[in-house]
Amino acid sequence: MTAMSPGSNIPLAVDRVTVDVTAPVRLDVSGLLLTADGKVRSDADFIFYNQPTGPGVGYHAGGGRAPDAITVDTAAVPAAIEKIVVTASPDAAGQTFQGIEPTATLRDADGSTVLATFTPPRLGTETALVVMEIYRRGDAWKARAVGQGYADGLAGIATDFGVSVEEPAPAQAAQVPPAPVAPPAPVPPAAPPMPPAPPAQPPLSAPAQSATAPAAGPTSPGPGAAAGAGTGKINLDKGRVSLQKNQTVSLVKGGRPLLARVRMGLGWEPAFRGADIDLDASVIAYGPQRNHLDSCYFGRLAILNGAIKHSGDNLTGEGAGDDETIVVDLARIPEGATGLVFTVNSFSGQKFTDVAKAYCRLLDDATGAELVRFDLTNAEARTGVLMCKLIRQYSGEWEMTALGTFVKARTVRNMIAPGAQAL
């Protein structure tokens, strides 16, 4: 039997496995069948007590005497399904995992042999968890411990993975008799009109123009340009660029976009004093109003129809070179996605003051040539950092700005709001 830690995985030697989740309180357990883009195909791929069966996946109620469980028959899972996510939430409305220590047990569904156990660490105000996932790797199947928490219950998980969740109907307002109408007051002289207030949050960027059409206006003066103020905007005419914090580089050379596919490499060294540290790289995609579109991380390796792909999880930071990479096909990014924020968070809870070194670099994915590098220094005692951002300009070109902003966030979900503010 294996005791798993967050992000660890084991191969499955049997076709049929069961995951049950126990806790001191009654839990609701469910399973979601996800395609390569991290979404369900329809609401029929959400398996829970009201919909207990799906293709290759079944829900089993414990009835209060045993834990609820999800069984996966990997041989019967449709080819379009890349992973099955197992979730858990307290049955009592509004109850959090504070003081509750849930444990997931992975078993051979036919022989009941325990294959692995997983107890997510350091839970607090979460009201739902992605506990474990069963996923394909080529022709084989594996199980990964996740432990990602949600503060908005099972509905938050379901919505994230594309399930339609009905909102409760608003209560009808009580009928209040109209108040008596006072006689009109004397009308004072009219004041001169106030000028209109500037918008509180300007759009991130306009949609890109086609390659042959003229630009609709000057390069966006939005956050990407503002971040480089005082440092001067750089391009790649002179080759590789080493960025300083808040400095911006335009990904063009000789006035033309340099490339369509870039690879973001992120690296770090193990924590001081020899202890391992599990850092997770992610990229968060936003729309023109800083609205969150999707997140690519170790639990969702491809987003935006495959335009952004993650290399997978590195649990220690050991080894030379990039620890995690994310490939971005800029030519395939939908027009509605105008900002990308690259982040690193400490899933294991250690702070960046315990990381020996962290950096991000941008490479030409076709040649492997390094274009831009940003070395992170003067780390702060936080668990998350916004490394850099890419912003699409009105002209269609992309600009990269080094950020180096530290935040309190152990998971990519907690990086979404700080990432939007950084745009």
Protein backbone atom coordinates (compact mmCIF):
# COMPACT_ATOMS: atom_id res chain seq x y z
CA MET A 1 0.00 0.00 0.00
CA THR A 2 1.24 3.51 -0.86
CA ALA A 3 0.63 6.61 1.26
CA MET A 4 0.35 9.36 -1.35
CA SER A 5 1.18 13.06 -1.06
CA PRO A 6 -0.33 15.94 -3.08
CA GLY A 7 0.67 15.62 -6.75
CA SER A 8 2.10 12.10 -6.45
CA ASN A 9 0.90 9.33 -8.75
CA ILE A 10 1.01 5.55 -9.02
CA PRO A 11 0.39 3.19 -11.98
CA LEU A 12 -2.73 1.02 -11.90
CA ALA A 13 -2.11 -2.70 -12.35
CA VAL A 14 -5.84 -3.56 -12.37
CA ASP A 15 -8.63 -2.42 -14.68
CA ARG A 16 -11.28 -1.76 -12.03
CA VAL A 17 -10.58 0.48 -9.05
CA THR A 18 -12.70 2.06 -6.34
CA VAL A 19 -12.03 5.34 -4.53
CA ASP A 20 -13.87 5.90 -1.25
CA VAL A 21 -13.51 8.93 1.00
CA THR A 22 -13.99 8.81 4.78
CA ALA A 23 -14.16 11.58 7.38
CA PRO A 24 -15.61 12.13 10.89
CA VAL A 25 -18.72 13.56 9.16
CA ARG A 26 -20.90 12.35 6.29
CA LEU A 27 -19.47 13.26 2.89
CA ASP A 28 -20.97 13.48 -0.58
CA VAL A 29 -18.64 11.86 -3.12
CA SER A 30 -18.92 12.27 -6.89
CA GLY A 31 -17.00 11.63 -10.09
CA LEU A 32 -16.60 13.66 -13.29
CA LEU A 33 -15.52 12.25 -16.66
CA LEU A 34 -13.28 14.82 -18.36
CA THR A 35 -11.99 15.13 -21.92
CA ALA A 36 -8.54 16.43 -22.88
CA ASP A 37 -9.69 20.04 -22.40
CA GLY A 38 -10.60 19.33 -18.77
CA LYS A 39 -14.37 19.54 -19.30
CA VAL A 40 -17.28 17.13 -19.22
CA ARG A 41 -18.92 16.35 -22.56
CA SER A 42 -22.36 16.96 -21.04
CA ASP A 43 -24.05 16.88 -17.64
CA ALA A 44 -24.35 13.09 -18.10
CA ASP A 45 -20.61 12.89 -17.26
CA PHE A 46 -21.29 14.08 -13.69
CA ILE A 47 -21.74 10.92 -11.56
CA PHE A 48 -23.26 11.36 -8.10
CA TYR A 49 -26.13 10.17 -5.88
CA ASN A 50 -28.84 11.47 -8.25
CA GLN A 51 -27.07 10.11 -11.36
CA PRO A 52 -25.16 7.03 -10.15
CA THR A 53 -24.00 5.50 -13.42
CA GLY A 54 -22.04 6.62 -16.45
CA PRO A 55 -19.82 5.01 -19.08
CA GLY A 56 -17.23 3.07 -17.09
CA VAL A 57 -17.92 4.98 -13.86
CA GLY A 58 -20.36 4.26 -11.01
CA TYR A 59 -21.38 5.83 -7.69
CA HIS A 60 -22.02 3.67 -4.63
CA ALA A 61 -23.75 5.10 -1.55
CA GLY A 62 -22.49 3.97 1.83
CA GLY A 63 -25.83 4.61 3.51
CA GLY A 64 -24.11 6.11 6.58
CA ARG A 65 -22.55 2.75 7.53
CA ALA A 66 -19.77 2.88 4.91
CA PRO A 67 -18.19 5.70 2.90
CA ASP A 68 -19.57 6.76 -0.46
CA ALA A 69 -17.37 5.56 -3.32
CA ILE A 70 -16.67 5.98 -7.03
CA THR A 71 -15.73 2.89 -9.07
CA VAL A 72 -13.89 3.23 -12.38
CA ASP A 73 -13.69 0.44 -14.93
CA THR A 74 -10.85 1.77 -17.07
CA ALA A 75 -11.52 -0.78 -19.83
CA ALA A 76 -15.04 0.62 -20.26
CA VAL A 77 -14.18 4.34 -20.15
CA PRO A 78 -14.79 5.97 -23.58
CA ALA A 79 -11.70 6.83 -25.60
CA ALA A 80 -12.60 10.54 -25.51
CA ILE A 81 -12.26 10.62 -21.70
CA GLU A 82 -8.77 11.46 -20.41
CA LYS A 83 -9.42 11.40 -16.67
CA ILE A 84 -12.01 10.78 -13.97
CA VAL A 85 -11.92 13.26 -11.11
CA VAL A 86 -13.17 12.13 -7.68
CA THR A 87 -14.56 14.89 -5.46
CA ALA A 88 -15.88 15.12 -1.90
CA SER A 89 -17.83 17.69 0.11
CA PRO A 90 -19.45 17.66 3.58
CA ASP A 91 -23.10 16.64 3.45
CA ALA A 92 -24.13 19.40 5.88
CA ALA A 93 -24.80 22.68 4.06
CA GLY A 94 -22.06 25.27 4.57
CA GLN A 95 -19.77 22.97 6.57
CA THR A 96 -16.06 23.34 5.82
CA PHE A 97 -13.18 20.89 6.10
CA GLN A 98 -11.78 22.85 9.06
CA GLY A 99 -10.91 20.25 11.69
CA ILE A 100 -12.05 17.42 9.41
CA GLU A 101 -9.40 15.12 7.99
CA PRO A 102 -10.81 13.22 4.99
CA THR A 103 -8.91 10.19 3.70
CA ALA A 104 -9.28 8.73 0.22
CA THR A 105 -8.62 5.02 -0.18
CA LEU A 106 -7.86 3.53 -3.60
CA ARG A 107 -8.77 -0.17 -3.84
CA ASP A 108 -8.86 -3.01 -6.32
CA ALA A 109 -12.61 -2.99 -7.03
CA ASP A 110 -12.76 -6.78 -7.42
CA GLY A 111 -10.31 -7.99 -4.76
CA SER A 112 -10.72 -5.09 -2.26
CA THR A 113 -6.92 -4.88 -1.90
CA VAL A 114 -5.89 -1.39 -0.77
CA LEU A 115 -3.58 0.13 -3.40
CA ALA A 116 -3.03 3.58 -1.87
CA THR A 117 -4.35 6.12 0.62
CA PHE A 118 -4.29 9.91 0.55
CA THR A 119 -5.09 12.47 3.26
CA PRO A 120 -5.00 16.07 1.93
CA PRO A 121 -2.94 18.29 4.26
CA ARG A 122 -3.72 21.69 5.81
CA LEU A 123 -7.41 22.03 5.03
CA GLY A 124 -9.36 25.03 6.28
CA THR A 125 -12.31 26.93 4.83
CA GLU A 126 -12.72 24.63 1.83
CA THR A 127 -16.24 23.26 1.38
CA ALA A 128 -15.36 20.84 -1.43
CA LEU A 129 -12.27 18.99 -2.63
CA VAL A 130 -10.92 17.44 -5.79
CA VAL A 131 -9.47 14.47 -3.93
CA MET A 132 -8.00 12.14 -6.54
CA GLU A 133 -8.01 11.53 -10.27
CA ILE A 134 -7.75 8.41 -12.40
CA TYR A 135 -6.11 9.34 -15.72
CA ARG A 136 -4.64 7.93 -18.94
CA ARG A 137 -0.98 7.97 -19.88
CA GLY A 138 -0.72 6.44 -23.35
CA ASP A 139 -2.20 2.94 -23.09
CA ALA A 140 -1.82 2.82 -19.30
CA TRP A 141 -3.84 4.25 -16.42
CA LYS A 142 -2.58 6.00 -13.30
CA ALA A 143 -3.98 7.52 -10.10
CA ARG A 144 -2.89 10.94 -8.84
CA ALA A 145 -3.47 12.51 -5.40
CA VAL A 146 -4.75 16.09 -5.83
CA GLY A 147 -6.32 17.65 -2.71
CA GLN A 148 -7.36 20.93 -4.36
CA GLY A 149 -9.96 22.79 -2.29
CA TYR A 150 -12.91 24.94 -3.33
CA ALA A 151 -14.65 27.53 -1.16
CA ASP A 152 -17.94 27.44 -3.10
CA GLY A 153 -18.85 23.79 -2.57
CA LEU A 154 -19.51 21.03 -5.05
CA ALA A 155 -21.26 23.52 -7.35
CA GLY A 156 -17.93 25.36 -7.75
CA ILE A 157 -16.17 22.17 -8.81
CA ALA A 158 -18.96 21.17 -11.16
CA THR A 159 -19.04 24.61 -12.80
CA ASP A 160 -15.24 24.62 -13.24
CA PHE A 161 -15.48 21.35 -15.17
CA GLY A 162 -18.35 22.44 -17.40
CA VAL A 163 -21.42 21.03 -15.60
CA SER A 164 -24.55 23.20 -15.76
CA VAL A 165 -25.54 24.19 -12.23
CA GLU A 166 -28.97 25.70 -11.69
CA GLU A 167 -28.97 28.82 -9.57
CA PRO A 168 -31.65 28.97 -6.83
CA ALA A 169 -34.55 31.20 -7.75
CA PRO A 170 -34.43 34.54 -5.91
CA ALA A 171 -36.99 34.93 -3.16
CA GLN A 172 -39.91 37.14 -4.13
CA ALA A 173 -39.74 40.49 -2.42
CA ALA A 174 -42.38 41.07 0.23
CA GLN A 175 -45.20 43.39 -0.82
CA VAL A 176 -44.79 46.65 1.09
CA PRO A 177 -47.49 49.31 0.89
CA PRO A 178 -46.23 52.49 -0.74
CA ALA A 179 -45.10 55.22 1.61
CA PRO A 180 -47.01 58.49 1.58
CA VAL A 181 -45.62 60.94 -0.93
CA ALA A 182 -44.25 64.15 0.53
CA PRO A 183 -44.91 67.42 -1.28
CA PRO A 184 -42.15 68.33 -3.71
CA ALA A 185 -39.29 70.40 -2.31
CA PRO A 186 -38.22 73.62 -4.00
CA VAL A 187 -35.93 72.95 -6.90
CA PRO A 188 -32.44 74.49 -6.40
CA PRO A 189 -30.62 76.08 -9.32
CA ALA A 190 -29.12 73.49 -11.63
CA ALA A 191 -25.44 72.72 -11.01
CA PRO A 192 -23.11 72.51 -13.99
CA PRO A 193 -22.83 68.94 -15.30
CA MET A 194 -19.94 66.80 -13.98
CA PRO A 195 -17.54 65.37 -16.53
CA PRO A 196 -17.97 61.61 -17.00
CA ALA A 197 -15.81 59.49 -14.69
CA PRO A 198 -13.13 57.40 -16.34
CA PRO A 199 -13.86 53.66 -16.45
CA ALA A 200 -12.79 51.91 -13.24
CA GLN A 201 -11.21 49.01 -15.08
CA PRO A 202 -10.34 49.54 -18.75
CA PRO A 203 -10.36 46.56 -21.08
CA LEU A 204 -7.19 44.54 -21.19
CA SER A 205 -6.91 44.77 -24.97
CA ALA A 206 -8.98 44.82 -28.11
CA PRO A 207 -9.31 41.64 -30.18
CA ALA A 208 -6.42 41.12 -32.57
CA GLN A 209 -6.77 42.36 -36.13
CA SER A 210 -6.17 40.01 -39.03
CA ALA A 211 -2.64 39.84 -40.41
CA THR A 212 -3.63 41.77 -43.53
CA ALA A 213 -5.99 44.37 -42.07
CA PRO A 214 -4.67 47.66 -40.66
CA ALA A 215 -4.66 47.97 -36.89
CA ALA A 216 -7.73 49.57 -35.37
CA GLY A 217 -5.63 52.01 -33.39
CA PRO A 218 -2.37 52.50 -31.55
CA THR A 219 -0.81 49.78 -29.45
CA SER A 220 -2.92 49.20 -26.35
CA PRO A 221 -1.96 51.58 -23.55
CA GLY A 222 -3.32 49.04 -21.05
CA PRO A 223 -1.57 47.28 -18.20
CA GLY A 224 1.12 45.69 -20.35
CA ALA A 225 2.37 49.05 -21.54
CA ALA A 226 2.00 50.72 -18.15
CA ALA A 227 4.11 48.05 -16.49
CA GLY A 228 7.05 48.93 -18.66
CA ALA A 229 6.77 52.66 -18.02
CA GLY A 230 10.05 54.17 -16.93
CA THR A 231 12.08 51.24 -18.20
CA GLY A 232 11.45 51.61 -21.95
CA LYS A 233 9.79 48.96 -24.06
CA ILE A 234 12.23 46.44 -25.53
CA ASN A 235 12.02 44.20 -28.58
CA LEU A 236 14.12 41.22 -29.62
CA ASP A 237 16.11 43.01 -32.34
CA LYS A 238 19.35 42.57 -30.38
CA GLY A 239 18.68 38.98 -29.38
CA ARG A 240 18.08 37.47 -25.94
CA VAL A 241 16.67 39.80 -23.27
CA SER A 242 17.12 39.60 -19.49
CA LEU A 243 14.17 41.35 -17.89
CA GLN A 244 13.97 43.25 -14.64
CA LYS A 245 10.81 43.37 -12.55
CA ASN A 246 8.01 45.33 -14.31
CA GLN A 247 10.01 45.54 -17.55
CA THR A 248 8.21 44.75 -20.82
CA VAL A 249 9.48 43.13 -24.01
CA SER A 250 7.58 43.05 -27.30
CA LEU A 251 7.82 39.65 -28.98
CA VAL A 252 8.73 41.13 -32.35
CA LYS A 253 11.98 41.43 -34.29
CA GLY A 254 12.47 43.87 -37.14
CA GLY A 255 8.90 45.05 -36.63
CA ARG A 256 7.39 41.60 -37.23
CA PRO A 257 6.08 38.96 -34.85
CA LEU A 258 8.99 36.63 -34.17
CA LEU A 259 7.19 33.31 -33.77
CA ALA A 260 3.84 31.66 -33.23
CA ARG A 261 4.70 28.98 -30.64
CA VAL A 262 6.55 29.80 -27.44
CA ARG A 263 7.54 27.59 -24.52
CA MET A 264 7.58 29.04 -21.03
CA GLY A 265 10.08 27.20 -18.83
CA LEU A 266 9.96 27.60 -15.06
CA GLY A 267 12.64 26.29 -12.75
CA TRP A 268 13.63 26.26 -9.10
CA GLU A 269 16.04 24.50 -6.79
CA PRO A 270 15.09 22.32 -3.81
CA ALA A 271 14.43 24.16 -0.57
CA PHE A 272 17.36 25.14 1.61
CA ARG A 273 18.61 22.57 4.12
CA GLY A 274 18.01 19.80 1.59
CA ALA A 275 14.21 19.45 1.92
CA ASP A 276 12.17 18.95 -1.24
CA ILE A 277 9.65 21.55 -2.29
CA ASP A 278 6.71 21.00 -4.63
CA LEU A 279 6.17 24.09 -6.75
CA ASP A 280 3.49 24.11 -9.44
CA ALA A 281 3.60 26.21 -12.59
CA SER A 282 0.40 27.36 -14.24
CA VAL A 283 -0.92 29.78 -16.81
CA ILE A 284 -4.22 31.59 -16.29
CA ALA A 285 -6.10 32.90 -19.34
CA TYR A 286 -8.24 36.06 -19.15
CA GLY A 287 -10.62 37.90 -21.44
CA PRO A 288 -10.59 41.61 -22.35
CA GLN A 289 -12.40 42.62 -19.14
CA ARG A 290 -9.94 40.66 -16.97
CA ASN A 291 -12.54 37.88 -16.77
CA HIS A 292 -11.15 34.42 -15.99
CA LEU A 293 -11.43 32.02 -18.94
CA ASP A 294 -9.48 28.92 -17.86
CA SER A 295 -6.37 27.73 -16.00
CA CYS A 296 -3.69 25.31 -17.21
CA TYR A 297 -1.88 23.45 -14.41
CA PHE A 298 -0.87 19.92 -13.36
CA GLY A 299 -4.51 18.95 -12.91
CA ARG A 300 -5.58 20.33 -16.32
CA LEU A 301 -2.78 19.88 -18.81
CA ALA A 302 -4.45 21.50 -21.86
CA ILE A 303 -6.83 24.47 -22.21
CA LEU A 304 -8.26 26.69 -24.98
CA ASN A 305 -8.68 23.71 -27.32
CA GLY A 306 -5.04 22.68 -26.90
CA ALA A 307 -3.54 26.11 -27.60
CA ILE A 308 -1.90 25.97 -24.14
CA LYS A 309 -0.35 22.72 -22.87
CA HIS A 310 1.40 21.87 -19.58
CA SER A 311 4.28 19.37 -19.30
CA GLY A 312 3.05 17.81 -16.04
CA ASP A 313 3.95 18.02 -12.38
CA ASN A 314 7.46 18.12 -10.87
CA LEU A 315 7.32 17.27 -7.17
CA THR A 316 10.78 18.27 -5.96
CA GLY A 317 12.59 20.72 -8.26
CA GLU A 318 15.46 18.24 -8.59
CA GLY A 319 17.53 18.13 -11.77
CA ALA A 320 19.05 20.66 -14.12
CA GLY A 321 17.03 22.77 -16.52
CA ASP A 322 13.34 23.67 -16.49
CA ASP A 323 11.26 21.82 -13.92
CA GLU A 324 7.92 22.48 -15.63
CA THR A 325 7.17 23.87 -19.08
CA ILE A 326 4.05 25.30 -20.69
CA VAL A 327 3.77 25.52 -24.49
CA VAL A 328 1.66 28.38 -25.82
CA ASP A 329 0.59 28.36 -29.46
CA LEU A 330 0.00 32.11 -29.81
CA ALA A 331 -1.43 31.69 -33.32
CA ARG A 332 -4.20 29.44 -31.93
CA ILE A 333 -5.16 31.51 -28.89
CA PRO A 334 -8.84 32.50 -29.37
CA GLU A 335 -9.46 36.20 -29.95
CA GLY A 336 -11.45 36.33 -26.73
CA ALA A 337 -8.31 35.48 -24.73
CA THR A 338 -6.20 38.63 -24.48
CA GLY A 339 -4.09 38.11 -21.36
CA LEU A 340 -2.06 35.19 -19.96
CA VAL A 341 -0.53 35.24 -16.48
CA PHE A 342 2.19 32.71 -15.63
CA THR A 343 2.30 31.76 -11.96
CA VAL A 344 4.11 29.45 -9.56
CA ASN A 345 2.63 28.35 -6.26
CA SER A 346 3.95 26.20 -3.42
CA PHE A 347 1.46 23.35 -3.23
CA SER A 348 3.41 21.85 -0.33
CA GLY A 349 2.93 25.06 1.68
CA GLN A 350 6.59 26.10 1.95
CA LYS A 351 7.29 29.76 1.38
CA PHE A 352 9.46 31.23 -1.36
CA THR A 353 12.04 32.30 1.21
CA ASP A 354 12.76 28.53 1.40
CA VAL A 355 13.36 28.24 -2.36
CA ALA A 356 16.98 28.45 -3.42
CA LYS A 357 16.20 29.94 -6.84
CA ALA A 358 13.27 30.51 -9.16
CA TYR A 359 13.20 31.76 -12.74
CA CYS A 360 11.07 31.79 -15.85
CA ARG A 361 12.26 31.93 -19.44
CA LEU A 362 10.59 32.17 -22.83
CA LEU A 363 11.88 29.98 -25.66
CA ASP A 364 11.17 29.52 -29.34
CA ASP A 365 9.41 26.15 -29.20
CA ALA A 366 10.65 25.19 -32.68
CA THR A 367 14.37 25.82 -32.12
CA GLY A 368 14.70 25.83 -28.33
CA ALA A 369 16.44 29.21 -28.47
CA GLU A 370 16.04 31.25 -25.29
CA LEU A 371 14.47 34.64 -26.04
CA VAL A 372 13.65 36.16 -22.66
CA ARG A 373 14.72 35.34 -19.10
CA PHE A 374 13.55 36.63 -15.72
CA ASP A 375 15.39 35.51 -12.57
CA LEU A 376 13.37 35.91 -9.41
CA THR A 377 15.30 37.48 -6.54
CA ASN A 378 14.47 38.99 -3.14
CA ALA A 379 11.84 36.34 -2.43
CA GLU A 380 9.11 37.00 0.11
CA ALA A 381 7.60 34.68 2.73
CA ARG A 382 4.55 33.86 0.59
CA THR A 383 3.33 30.68 -1.11
CA GLY A 384 2.58 32.09 -4.59
CA VAL A 385 4.25 34.33 -7.14
CA LEU A 386 3.04 35.94 -10.36
CA MET A 387 6.07 35.45 -12.61
CA CYS A 388 5.09 37.25 -15.80
CA LYS A 389 2.22 38.10 -18.13
CA LEU A 390 1.64 38.05 -21.88
CA ILE A 391 -0.80 40.61 -23.28
CA ARG A 392 -2.17 40.75 -26.83
CA GLN A 393 -1.99 44.25 -28.29
CA TYR A 394 -4.40 45.93 -30.72
CA SER A 395 -1.95 45.17 -33.52
CA GLY A 396 -2.10 41.44 -32.72
CA GLU A 397 1.44 41.21 -31.36
CA TRP A 398 2.13 39.93 -27.85
CA GLU A 399 4.13 41.62 -25.12
CA MET A 400 5.69 39.98 -22.06
CA THR A 401 6.08 41.81 -18.76
CA ALA A 402 8.09 40.46 -15.82
CA LEU A 403 6.06 40.66 -12.60
CA GLY A 404 7.69 38.99 -9.58
CA THR A 405 4.68 39.75 -7.39
CA PHE A 406 4.28 37.51 -4.33
CA VAL A 407 0.87 36.51 -3.03
CA LYS A 408 -0.60 34.15 -0.43
CA ALA A 409 -1.86 31.26 -2.58
CA ARG A 410 -1.15 27.51 -2.48
CA THR A 411 -3.28 26.58 -5.50
CA VAL A 412 -3.89 28.01 -8.95
CA ARG A 413 -7.51 28.70 -7.99
CA ASN A 414 -6.28 31.20 -5.41
CA MET A 415 -4.04 32.85 -8.02
CA ILE A 416 -6.92 33.87 -10.30
CA ALA A 417 -7.90 37.10 -8.52
CA PRO A 418 -4.30 38.36 -8.01
CA GLY A 419 -3.57 37.50 -11.64
CA ALA A 420 -6.49 39.62 -12.83
CA GLN A 421 -5.29 42.54 -10.71
CA ALA A 422 -1.80 42.24 -12.23
CA LEU A 423 -3.25 42.75 -15.72
